[in-house]
Amino acid sequence: QVQLVESGGGSVQAGGSLRLSCVMSGGTFYNYGLGWFRQAPGKECEFVASFYWNGNYVHYTESVKGRFIISGDNTKNTLFLQMNSLKPEDTAVYYCATATAYYYNDPSKSPFDSWGQGTQVTVSS
């Protein structure tokens, strides 16, 4: 059974950067869709970014394009989210997730079914 553990969250001022990590155990990245989601207080869980395990079909939600970069290290089964130029509206709990099927034409609709416990990101103005 796949397990995911996120780290790297914290508190930063607006304009700052953070790098989130997500380590997978109990499996490998092979053939998985890999993604990041976030949930702000009082809001629904929101898709942030994803890609297919081989690095193809990268997709970002519009609000993070040009600021966030999703990447992975297949040799270490570790997923990353580099977050730059952070804004207060990026404040949320961030989750990594995997999908056994990846809808390359609309990745946010992929069936992400394994999730980490989340890591808090707080951006102050």
C-alpha atoms as a PDB file:
ATOM      1  CA  GLN A   1       0.000   0.000   0.000  1.00  0.00           C
ATOM      2  CA  VAL A   2       1.332   3.387  -1.025  1.00  0.00           C
ATOM      3  CA  GLN A   3       2.080   5.837   1.762  1.00  0.00           C
ATOM      4  CA  LEU A   4       2.928   9.490   1.240  1.00  0.00           C
ATOM      5  CA  VAL A   5       4.595  11.834   3.709  1.00  0.00           C
ATOM      6  CA  GLU A   6       4.886  15.567   3.051  1.00  0.00           C
ATOM      7  CA  SER A   7       7.365  17.976   4.599  1.00  0.00           C
ATOM      8  CA  GLY A   8       8.717  21.456   4.033  1.00  0.00           C
ATOM      9  CA  GLY A   9       5.794  23.587   5.051  1.00  0.00           C
ATOM     10  CA  GLY A  10       6.190  26.637   7.248  1.00  0.00           C
ATOM     11  CA  SER A  11       5.532  30.320   7.659  1.00  0.00           C
ATOM     12  CA  VAL A  12       6.940  32.890   5.261  1.00  0.00           C
ATOM     13  CA  GLN A  13       6.305  36.466   4.309  1.00  0.00           C
ATOM     14  CA  ALA A  14       4.723  37.381   1.020  1.00  0.00           C
ATOM     15  CA  GLY A  15       7.233  37.158  -1.795  1.00  0.00           C
ATOM     16  CA  GLY A  16       9.128  34.352  -0.105  1.00  0.00           C
ATOM     17  CA  SER A  17       9.714  30.775  -1.197  1.00  0.00           C
ATOM     18  CA  LEU A  18       9.189  27.290   0.159  1.00  0.00           C
ATOM     19  CA  ARG A  19       9.945  23.845  -1.201  1.00  0.00           C
ATOM     20  CA  LEU A  20       7.615  21.034  -0.294  1.00  0.00           C
ATOM     21  CA  SER A  21       8.671  17.403  -0.460  1.00  0.00           C
ATOM     22  CA  CYS A  22       6.620  14.226  -0.554  1.00  0.00           C
ATOM     23  CA  VAL A  23       8.204  10.824  -0.078  1.00  0.00           C
ATOM     24  CA  MET A  24       6.432   7.711  -1.328  1.00  0.00           C
ATOM     25  CA  SER A  25       6.871   4.355   0.364  1.00  0.00           C
ATOM     26  CA  GLY A  26       5.300   1.010  -0.472  1.00  0.00           C
ATOM     27  CA  GLY A  27       5.604   1.658  -4.185  1.00  0.00           C
ATOM     28  CA  THR A  28       7.385   3.555  -6.921  1.00  0.00           C
ATOM     29  CA  PHE A  29       6.422   6.442  -9.176  1.00  0.00           C
ATOM     30  CA  TYR A  30       6.217   4.140 -12.198  1.00  0.00           C
ATOM     31  CA  ASN A  31       2.917   4.629 -14.046  1.00  0.00           C
ATOM     32  CA  TYR A  32       1.475   7.007 -11.443  1.00  0.00           C
ATOM     33  CA  GLY A  33       0.084  10.462 -11.855  1.00  0.00           C
ATOM     34  CA  LEU A  34       1.603  12.657  -9.155  1.00  0.00           C
ATOM     35  CA  GLY A  35      -0.011  15.791  -7.845  1.00  0.00           C
ATOM     36  CA  TRP A  36      -0.256  18.511  -5.254  1.00  0.00           C
ATOM     37  CA  PHE A  37      -3.486  19.864  -3.809  1.00  0.00           C
ATOM     38  CA  ARG A  38      -4.267  22.420  -1.139  1.00  0.00           C
ATOM     39  CA  GLN A  39      -7.080  23.284   1.213  1.00  0.00           C
ATOM     40  CA  ALA A  40      -7.482  26.691   2.775  1.00  0.00           C
ATOM     41  CA  PRO A  41      -9.626  27.213   5.896  1.00  0.00           C
ATOM     42  CA  GLY A  42     -13.298  27.119   5.032  1.00  0.00           C
ATOM     43  CA  LYS A  43     -12.635  26.191   1.405  1.00  0.00           C
ATOM     44  CA  GLU A  44     -12.753  23.036  -0.647  1.00  0.00           C
ATOM     45  CA  CYS A  45      -9.665  21.092  -1.594  1.00  0.00           C
ATOM     46  CA  GLU A  46      -8.097  22.636  -4.700  1.00  0.00           C
ATOM     47  CA  PHE A  47      -5.903  21.122  -7.400  1.00  0.00           C
ATOM     48  CA  VAL A  48      -2.511  22.858  -7.601  1.00  0.00           C
ATOM     49  CA  ALA A  49      -0.238  20.938  -9.979  1.00  0.00           C
ATOM     50  CA  SER A  50       0.431  17.482 -11.370  1.00  0.00           C
ATOM     51  CA  PHE A  51       2.449  15.510 -13.861  1.00  0.00           C
ATOM     52  CA  TYR A  52       2.877  11.960 -15.075  1.00  0.00           C
ATOM     53  CA  TRP A  53       5.666   9.914 -13.502  1.00  0.00           C
ATOM     54  CA  ASN A  54       7.936  10.306 -16.548  1.00  0.00           C
ATOM     55  CA  GLY A  55       7.770  14.080 -16.319  1.00  0.00           C
ATOM     56  CA  ASN A  56       5.270  14.572 -19.124  1.00  0.00           C
ATOM     57  CA  TYR A  57       1.835  16.191 -19.069  1.00  0.00           C
ATOM     58  CA  VAL A  58       2.633  18.849 -16.489  1.00  0.00           C
ATOM     59  CA  HIS A  59      -0.393  20.879 -15.461  1.00  0.00           C
ATOM     60  CA  TYR A  60      -0.861  23.822 -13.098  1.00  0.00           C
ATOM     61  CA  THR A  61      -3.887  25.625 -11.834  1.00  0.00           C
ATOM     62  CA  GLU A  62      -3.951  29.125 -13.275  1.00  0.00           C
ATOM     63  CA  SER A  63      -3.273  30.942 -10.011  1.00  0.00           C
ATOM     64  CA  VAL A  64       0.156  29.327  -9.527  1.00  0.00           C
ATOM     65  CA  LYS A  65       1.453  29.324 -13.096  1.00  0.00           C
ATOM     66  CA  GLY A  66       4.845  31.012 -13.314  1.00  0.00           C
ATOM     67  CA  ARG A  67       5.344  30.800  -9.539  1.00  0.00           C
ATOM     68  CA  PHE A  68       5.203  27.097  -8.625  1.00  0.00           C
ATOM     69  CA  ILE A  69       7.203  24.256 -10.133  1.00  0.00           C
ATOM     70  CA  ILE A  70       6.349  20.584  -9.703  1.00  0.00           C
ATOM     71  CA  SER A  71       9.129  18.043 -10.089  1.00  0.00           C
ATOM     72  CA  GLY A  72      10.153  14.623  -8.920  1.00  0.00           C
ATOM     73  CA  ASP A  73      13.097  12.333  -8.314  1.00  0.00           C
ATOM     74  CA  ASN A  74      12.150   8.851  -9.469  1.00  0.00           C
ATOM     75  CA  THR A  75      15.272   7.336  -7.910  1.00  0.00           C
ATOM     76  CA  LYS A  76      14.154   8.532  -4.485  1.00  0.00           C
ATOM     77  CA  ASN A  77      10.389   8.324  -5.021  1.00  0.00           C
ATOM     78  CA  THR A  78      10.182  11.930  -3.933  1.00  0.00           C
ATOM     79  CA  LEU A  79       7.866  14.602  -5.310  1.00  0.00           C
ATOM     80  CA  PHE A  80       8.600  18.300  -4.940  1.00  0.00           C
ATOM     81  CA  LEU A  81       6.719  21.552  -5.176  1.00  0.00           C
ATOM     82  CA  GLN A  82       8.885  24.647  -5.421  1.00  0.00           C
ATOM     83  CA  MET A  83       6.778  27.651  -4.471  1.00  0.00           C
ATOM     84  CA  ASN A  84       8.107  31.111  -5.297  1.00  0.00           C
ATOM     85  CA  SER A  85       6.634  34.596  -5.002  1.00  0.00           C
ATOM     86  CA  LEU A  86       4.240  33.331  -2.379  1.00  0.00           C
ATOM     87  CA  LYS A  87       1.069  35.275  -1.674  1.00  0.00           C
ATOM     88  CA  PRO A  88      -1.199  35.316   1.388  1.00  0.00           C
ATOM     89  CA  GLU A  89      -3.857  33.537  -0.695  1.00  0.00           C
ATOM     90  CA  ASP A  90      -1.480  30.572  -1.024  1.00  0.00           C
ATOM     91  CA  THR A  91      -1.989  29.886   2.687  1.00  0.00           C
ATOM     92  CA  ALA A  92      -3.366  26.354   3.012  1.00  0.00           C
ATOM     93  CA  VAL A  93      -2.607  22.802   3.990  1.00  0.00           C
ATOM     94  CA  TYR A  94      -0.823  21.217   1.046  1.00  0.00           C
ATOM     95  CA  TYR A  95      -1.264  17.554   0.187  1.00  0.00           C
ATOM     96  CA  CYS A  96       0.530  15.298  -2.257  1.00  0.00           C
ATOM     97  CA  ALA A  97      -1.417  12.555  -3.964  1.00  0.00           C
ATOM     98  CA  THR A  98      -1.043   9.773  -6.507  1.00  0.00           C
ATOM     99  CA  ALA A  99      -3.356   8.531  -9.217  1.00  0.00           C
ATOM    100  CA  THR A 100      -3.221   5.087 -10.828  1.00  0.00           C
ATOM    101  CA  ALA A 101      -4.812   6.590 -13.937  1.00  0.00           C
ATOM    102  CA  TYR A 102      -3.767   9.962 -15.334  1.00  0.00           C
ATOM    103  CA  TYR A 103      -6.057  11.976 -17.570  1.00  0.00           C
ATOM    104  CA  TYR A 104      -3.468  13.862 -19.577  1.00  0.00           C
ATOM    105  CA  ASN A 105      -6.120  16.017 -21.271  1.00  0.00           C
ATOM    106  CA  ASP A 106      -7.534  17.158 -17.912  1.00  0.00           C
ATOM    107  CA  PRO A 107      -5.142  16.052 -15.177  1.00  0.00           C
ATOM    108  CA  SER A 108      -7.063  17.729 -12.373  1.00  0.00           C
ATOM    109  CA  LYS A 109      -9.855  15.202 -12.963  1.00  0.00           C
ATOM    110  CA  SER A 110      -7.567  12.200 -12.523  1.00  0.00           C
ATOM    111  CA  PRO A 111      -8.623   9.781  -9.773  1.00  0.00           C
ATOM    112  CA  PHE A 112      -6.090  10.720  -7.087  1.00  0.00           C
ATOM    113  CA  ASP A 113      -6.693   8.091  -4.441  1.00  0.00           C
ATOM    114  CA  SER A 114      -3.635   7.998  -2.172  1.00  0.00           C
ATOM    115  CA  TRP A 115      -2.962  11.077  -0.070  1.00  0.00           C
ATOM    116  CA  GLY A 116      -0.419  12.319   2.407  1.00  0.00           C
ATOM    117  CA  GLN A 117      -1.277  13.830   5.770  1.00  0.00           C
ATOM    118  CA  GLY A 118      -0.632  17.393   4.633  1.00  0.00           C
ATOM    119  CA  THR A 119       1.801  20.153   5.505  1.00  0.00           C
ATOM    120  CA  GLN A 120       0.796  23.674   6.524  1.00  0.00           C
ATOM    121  CA  VAL A 121       1.929  26.673   4.495  1.00  0.00           C
ATOM    122  CA  THR A 122       1.240  30.117   5.934  1.00  0.00           C
ATOM    123  CA  VAL A 123       2.050  33.289   4.015  1.00  0.00           C
ATOM    124  CA  SER A 124       1.815  36.593   5.842  1.00  0.00           C
ATOM    125  CA  SER A 125       1.435  39.975   4.207  1.00  0.00           C
END
